[in-house]
Amino acid sequence: MAKLRVTQTRSARDKGAKQRGTIRALGFKRIGHTVVHEDKPQIRGMINSVSHLVEVEELKS
């Protein structure tokens, strides 16, 4: 299964509790932090809801 490398590029500070929660659920700790997730519909939905705060790169496994 493919993997996604996701990097937080912008702050979620003034974006509301829901988006801050999504950023934390994805595993981010700070701006510039990168996490790797399996490419699943649930993760894609979370990324889609905070797409203006993150950058996504698909990794071949």
PDB file of N, CA and C in Angstrom:
ATOM      1  N   MET A   1       0.838  -1.177   0.000  1.00  0.00           N
ATOM      2  CA  MET A   1       0.000   0.000   0.000  1.00  0.00           C
ATOM      3  C   MET A   1       0.886   1.244   0.000  1.00  0.00           C
ATOM      4  N   ALA A   2       0.462   2.264  -0.701  1.00  0.00           N
ATOM      5  CA  ALA A   2       1.232   3.504  -0.791  1.00  0.00           C
ATOM      6  C   ALA A   2       1.204   4.242   0.543  1.00  0.00           C
ATOM      7  N   LYS A   3       2.172   5.112   0.692  1.00  0.00           N
ATOM      8  CA  LYS A   3       2.249   5.928   1.902  1.00  0.00           C
ATOM      9  C   LYS A   3       2.223   7.394   1.507  1.00  0.00           C
ATOM     10  N   LEU A   4       1.823   8.213   2.461  1.00  0.00           N
ATOM     11  CA  LEU A   4       1.776   9.653   2.267  1.00  0.00           C
ATOM     12  C   LEU A   4       2.712  10.321   3.257  1.00  0.00           C
ATOM     13  N   ARG A   5       3.562  11.219   2.762  1.00  0.00           N
ATOM     14  CA  ARG A   5       4.403  12.035   3.634  1.00  0.00           C
ATOM     15  C   ARG A   5       3.717  13.395   3.731  1.00  0.00           C
ATOM     16  N   VAL A   6       3.319  13.754   4.944  1.00  0.00           N
ATOM     17  CA  VAL A   6       2.558  14.974   5.160  1.00  0.00           C
ATOM     18  C   VAL A   6       3.369  15.895   6.059  1.00  0.00           C
ATOM     19  N   THR A   7       3.511  17.168   5.646  1.00  0.00           N
ATOM     20  CA  THR A   7       4.275  18.153   6.398  1.00  0.00           C
ATOM     21  C   THR A   7       3.378  19.331   6.733  1.00  0.00           C
ATOM     22  N   GLN A   8       3.381  19.732   7.992  1.00  0.00           N
ATOM     23  CA  GLN A   8       2.603  20.913   8.390  1.00  0.00           C
ATOM     24  C   GLN A   8       3.385  22.148   7.976  1.00  0.00           C
ATOM     25  N   THR A   9       2.738  23.036   7.206  1.00  0.00           N
ATOM     26  CA  THR A   9       3.415  24.217   6.696  1.00  0.00           C
ATOM     27  C   THR A   9       2.884  25.510   7.297  1.00  0.00           C
ATOM     28  N   ARG A  10       1.689  25.467   7.868  1.00  0.00           N
ATOM     29  CA  ARG A  10       1.096  26.671   8.448  1.00  0.00           C
ATOM     30  C   ARG A  10       0.506  26.346   9.812  1.00  0.00           C
ATOM     31  N   SER A  11       0.322  27.388  10.607  1.00  0.00           N
ATOM     32  CA  SER A  11      -0.206  27.230  11.954  1.00  0.00           C
ATOM     33  C   SER A  11      -1.709  26.985  11.939  1.00  0.00           C
ATOM     34  N   ALA A  12      -2.178  26.191  12.895  1.00  0.00           N
ATOM     35  CA  ALA A  12      -3.611  25.939  13.057  1.00  0.00           C
ATOM     36  C   ALA A  12      -4.165  26.755  14.224  1.00  0.00           C
ATOM     37  N   ARG A  13      -3.399  27.687  14.701  1.00  0.00           N
ATOM     38  CA  ARG A  13      -3.752  28.431  15.905  1.00  0.00           C
ATOM     39  C   ARG A  13      -5.104  29.132  15.805  1.00  0.00           C
ATOM     40  N   ASP A  14      -5.367  29.849  14.742  1.00  0.00           N
ATOM     41  CA  ASP A  14      -6.601  30.628  14.611  1.00  0.00           C
ATOM     42  C   ASP A  14      -7.625  29.963  13.698  1.00  0.00           C
ATOM     43  N   LYS A  15      -7.559  28.657  13.549  1.00  0.00           N
ATOM     44  CA  LYS A  15      -8.407  27.960  12.584  1.00  0.00           C
ATOM     45  C   LYS A  15      -9.594  27.242  13.209  1.00  0.00           C
ATOM     46  N   GLY A  16      -9.769  27.311  14.503  1.00  0.00           N
ATOM     47  CA  GLY A  16     -10.895  26.645  15.142  1.00  0.00           C
ATOM     48  C   GLY A  16     -10.490  25.321  15.753  1.00  0.00           C
ATOM     49  N   ALA A  17     -11.280  24.892  16.723  1.00  0.00           N
ATOM     50  CA  ALA A  17     -10.960  23.679  17.475  1.00  0.00           C
ATOM     51  C   ALA A  17     -10.985  22.433  16.608  1.00  0.00           C
ATOM     52  N   LYS A  18     -11.885  22.373  15.646  1.00  0.00           N
ATOM     53  CA  LYS A  18     -12.001  21.177  14.809  1.00  0.00           C
ATOM     54  C   LYS A  18     -10.737  20.958  13.972  1.00  0.00           C
ATOM     55  N   GLN A  19     -10.236  22.018  13.352  1.00  0.00           N
ATOM     56  CA  GLN A  19      -9.031  21.883  12.538  1.00  0.00           C
ATOM     57  C   GLN A  19      -7.801  21.647  13.405  1.00  0.00           C
ATOM     58  N   ARG A  20      -7.729  22.283  14.559  1.00  0.00           N
ATOM     59  CA  ARG A  20      -6.610  22.020  15.479  1.00  0.00           C
ATOM     60  C   ARG A  20      -6.623  20.559  15.914  1.00  0.00           C
ATOM     61  N   GLY A  21      -7.798  20.020  16.172  1.00  0.00           N
ATOM     62  CA  GLY A  21      -7.914  18.616  16.551  1.00  0.00           C
ATOM     63  C   GLY A  21      -7.484  17.679  15.442  1.00  0.00           C
ATOM     64  N   THR A  22      -7.825  18.030  14.209  1.00  0.00           N
ATOM     65  CA  THR A  22      -7.425  17.212  13.060  1.00  0.00           C
ATOM     66  C   THR A  22      -5.911  17.221  12.899  1.00  0.00           C
ATOM     67  N   ILE A  23      -5.294  18.379  13.063  1.00  0.00           N
ATOM     68  CA  ILE A  23      -3.829  18.480  12.975  1.00  0.00           C
ATOM     69  C   ILE A  23      -3.183  17.597  14.046  1.00  0.00           C
ATOM     70  N   ARG A  24      -3.693  17.636  15.261  1.00  0.00           N
ATOM     71  CA  ARG A  24      -3.147  16.800  16.342  1.00  0.00           C
ATOM     72  C   ARG A  24      -3.389  15.318  16.066  1.00  0.00           C
ATOM     73  N   ALA A  25      -4.574  14.987  15.527  1.00  0.00           N
ATOM     74  CA  ALA A  25      -4.891  13.587  15.235  1.00  0.00           C
ATOM     75  C   ALA A  25      -3.988  13.024  14.142  1.00  0.00           C
ATOM     76  N   LEU A  26      -3.544  13.876  13.231  1.00  0.00           N
ATOM     77  CA  LEU A  26      -2.606  13.436  12.204  1.00  0.00           C
ATOM     78  C   LEU A  26      -1.206  13.231  12.774  1.00  0.00           C
ATOM     79  N   GLY A  27      -0.960  13.741  13.968  1.00  0.00           N
ATOM     80  CA  GLY A  27       0.315  13.495  14.635  1.00  0.00           C
ATOM     81  C   GLY A  27       1.293  14.650  14.594  1.00  0.00           C
ATOM     82  N   PHE A  28       0.859  15.826  14.184  1.00  0.00           N
ATOM     83  CA  PHE A  28       1.766  16.970  14.104  1.00  0.00           C
ATOM     84  C   PHE A  28       2.010  17.573  15.468  1.00  0.00           C
ATOM     85  N   LYS A  29       3.228  18.034  15.691  1.00  0.00           N
ATOM     86  CA  LYS A  29       3.608  18.684  16.941  1.00  0.00           C
ATOM     87  C   LYS A  29       3.917  20.166  16.728  1.00  0.00           C
ATOM     88  N   ARG A  30       4.394  20.532  15.538  1.00  0.00           N
ATOM     89  CA  ARG A  30       4.824  21.910  15.277  1.00  0.00           C
ATOM     90  C   ARG A  30       4.885  22.139  13.767  1.00  0.00           C
ATOM     91  N   ILE A  31       5.026  23.379  13.386  1.00  0.00           N
ATOM     92  CA  ILE A  31       5.180  23.714  11.966  1.00  0.00           C
ATOM     93  C   ILE A  31       6.504  23.131  11.483  1.00  0.00           C
ATOM     94  N   GLY A  32       6.489  22.507  10.325  1.00  0.00           N
ATOM     95  CA  GLY A  32       7.678  21.882   9.770  1.00  0.00           C
ATOM     96  C   GLY A  32       7.805  20.411  10.117  1.00  0.00           C
ATOM     97  N   HIS A  33       6.954  19.921  11.003  1.00  0.00           N
ATOM     98  CA  HIS A  33       6.981  18.520  11.400  1.00  0.00           C
ATOM     99  C   HIS A  33       6.414  17.664  10.261  1.00  0.00           C
ATOM    100  N   THR A  34       7.026  16.525   9.999  1.00  0.00           N
ATOM    101  CA  THR A  34       6.603  15.622   8.939  1.00  0.00           C
ATOM    102  C   THR A  34       6.200  14.282   9.540  1.00  0.00           C
ATOM    103  N   VAL A  35       5.090  13.749   9.061  1.00  0.00           N
ATOM    104  CA  VAL A  35       4.630  12.431   9.481  1.00  0.00           C
ATOM    105  C   VAL A  35       4.347  11.596   8.239  1.00  0.00           C
ATOM    106  N   VAL A  36       4.412  10.282   8.384  1.00  0.00           N
ATOM    107  CA  VAL A  36       4.121   9.360   7.282  1.00  0.00           C
ATOM    108  C   VAL A  36       2.922   8.512   7.680  1.00  0.00           C
ATOM    109  N   HIS A  37       1.919   8.440   6.797  1.00  0.00           N
ATOM    110  CA  HIS A  37       0.710   7.665   7.045  1.00  0.00           C
ATOM    111  C   HIS A  37       0.439   6.749   5.862  1.00  0.00           C
ATOM    112  N   GLU A  38      -0.266   5.653   6.129  1.00  0.00           N
ATOM    113  CA  GLU A  38      -0.769   4.799   5.056  1.00  0.00           C
ATOM    114  C   GLU A  38      -1.801   5.592   4.253  1.00  0.00           C
ATOM    115  N   ASP A  39      -1.879   5.324   2.973  1.00  0.00           N
ATOM    116  CA  ASP A  39      -2.841   6.007   2.107  1.00  0.00           C
ATOM    117  C   ASP A  39      -4.200   5.330   2.251  1.00  0.00           C
ATOM    118  N   LYS A  40      -5.007   5.834   3.190  1.00  0.00           N
ATOM    119  CA  LYS A  40      -6.339   5.300   3.468  1.00  0.00           C
ATOM    120  C   LYS A  40      -7.361   6.411   3.284  1.00  0.00           C
ATOM    121  N   PRO A  41      -8.605   6.057   2.997  1.00  0.00           N
ATOM    122  CA  PRO A  41      -9.645   7.078   2.825  1.00  0.00           C
ATOM    123  C   PRO A  41      -9.830   7.963   4.057  1.00  0.00           C
ATOM    124  N   GLN A  42      -9.663   7.401   5.256  1.00  0.00           N
ATOM    125  CA  GLN A  42      -9.824   8.186   6.474  1.00  0.00           C
ATOM    126  C   GLN A  42      -8.737   9.258   6.579  1.00  0.00           C
ATOM    127  N   ILE A  43      -7.514   8.880   6.264  1.00  0.00           N
ATOM    128  CA  ILE A  43      -6.399   9.828   6.317  1.00  0.00           C
ATOM    129  C   ILE A  43      -6.553  10.874   5.222  1.00  0.00           C
ATOM    130  N   ARG A  44      -6.976  10.447   4.031  1.00  0.00           N
ATOM    131  CA  ARG A  44      -7.196  11.404   2.938  1.00  0.00           C
ATOM    132  C   ARG A  44      -8.252  12.441   3.317  1.00  0.00           C
ATOM    133  N   GLY A  45      -9.303  12.004   4.005  1.00  0.00           N
ATOM    134  CA  GLY A  45     -10.346  12.930   4.444  1.00  0.00           C
ATOM    135  C   GLY A  45      -9.826  13.928   5.457  1.00  0.00           C
ATOM    136  N   MET A  46      -8.999  13.471   6.379  1.00  0.00           N
ATOM    137  CA  MET A  46      -8.411  14.366   7.369  1.00  0.00           C
ATOM    138  C   MET A  46      -7.488  15.382   6.693  1.00  0.00           C
ATOM    139  N   ILE A  47      -6.690  14.912   5.748  1.00  0.00           N
ATOM    140  CA  ILE A  47      -5.786  15.801   5.026  1.00  0.00           C
ATOM    141  C   ILE A  47      -6.592  16.813   4.214  1.00  0.00           C
ATOM    142  N   ASN A  48      -7.672  16.366   3.603  1.00  0.00           N
ATOM    143  CA  ASN A  48      -8.502  17.260   2.803  1.00  0.00           C
ATOM    144  C   ASN A  48      -9.091  18.391   3.644  1.00  0.00           C
ATOM    145  N   SER A  49      -9.440  18.095   4.892  1.00  0.00           N
ATOM    146  CA  SER A  49     -10.053  19.121   5.740  1.00  0.00           C
ATOM    147  C   SER A  49      -9.050  20.166   6.224  1.00  0.00           C
ATOM    148  N   VAL A  50      -7.757  19.856   6.191  1.00  0.00           N
ATOM    149  CA  VAL A  50      -6.735  20.828   6.585  1.00  0.00           C
ATOM    150  C   VAL A  50      -5.715  21.021   5.469  1.00  0.00           C
ATOM    151  N   SER A  51      -6.147  20.884   4.229  1.00  0.00           N
ATOM    152  CA  SER A  51      -5.231  20.933   3.084  1.00  0.00           C
ATOM    153  C   SER A  51      -4.519  22.277   2.954  1.00  0.00           C
ATOM    154  N   HIS A  52      -5.111  23.344   3.473  1.00  0.00           N
ATOM    155  CA  HIS A  52      -4.496  24.667   3.410  1.00  0.00           C
ATOM    156  C   HIS A  52      -3.386  24.839   4.447  1.00  0.00           C
ATOM    157  N   LEU A  53      -3.216  23.855   5.325  1.00  0.00           N
ATOM    158  CA  LEU A  53      -2.196  23.924   6.371  1.00  0.00           C
ATOM    159  C   LEU A  53      -1.053  22.935   6.167  1.00  0.00           C
ATOM    160  N   VAL A  54      -1.198  22.024   5.208  1.00  0.00           N
ATOM    161  CA  VAL A  54      -0.215  20.946   5.044  1.00  0.00           C
ATOM    162  C   VAL A  54       0.189  20.793   3.581  1.00  0.00           C
ATOM    163  N   GLU A  55       1.318  20.116   3.377  1.00  0.00           N
ATOM    164  CA  GLU A  55       1.768  19.692   2.048  1.00  0.00           C
ATOM    165  C   GLU A  55       1.827  18.167   2.060  1.00  0.00           C
ATOM    166  N   VAL A  56       1.419  17.557   0.943  1.00  0.00           N
ATOM    167  CA  VAL A  56       1.357  16.098   0.866  1.00  0.00           C
ATOM    168  C   VAL A  56       2.232  15.608  -0.281  1.00  0.00           C
ATOM    169  N   GLU A  57       2.963  14.524  -0.020  1.00  0.00           N
ATOM    170  CA  GLU A  57       3.784  13.887  -1.038  1.00  0.00           C
ATOM    171  C   GLU A  57       3.506  12.394  -0.989  1.00  0.00           C
ATOM    172  N   GLU A  58       3.240  11.785  -2.126  1.00  0.00           N
ATOM    173  CA  GLU A  58       3.009  10.344  -2.177  1.00  0.00           C
ATOM    174  C   GLU A  58       4.342   9.618  -2.296  1.00  0.00           C
ATOM    175  N   LEU A  59       4.491   8.586  -1.469  1.00  0.00           N
ATOM    176  CA  LEU A  59       5.709   7.780  -1.485  1.00  0.00           C
ATOM    177  C   LEU A  59       5.389   6.421  -2.092  1.00  0.00           C
ATOM    178  N   LYS A  60       6.294   5.921  -2.890  1.00  0.00           N
ATOM    179  CA  LYS A  60       6.129   4.575  -3.430  1.00  0.00           C
ATOM    180  C   LYS A  60       6.766   3.603  -2.451  1.00  0.00           C
ATOM    181  N   SER A  61       6.058   2.532  -2.157  1.00  0.00           N
ATOM    182  CA  SER A  61       6.591   1.572  -1.189  1.00  0.00           C
ATOM    183  C   SER A  61       7.182   0.364  -1.853  1.00  0.00           C
TER     184      SER A  61
END
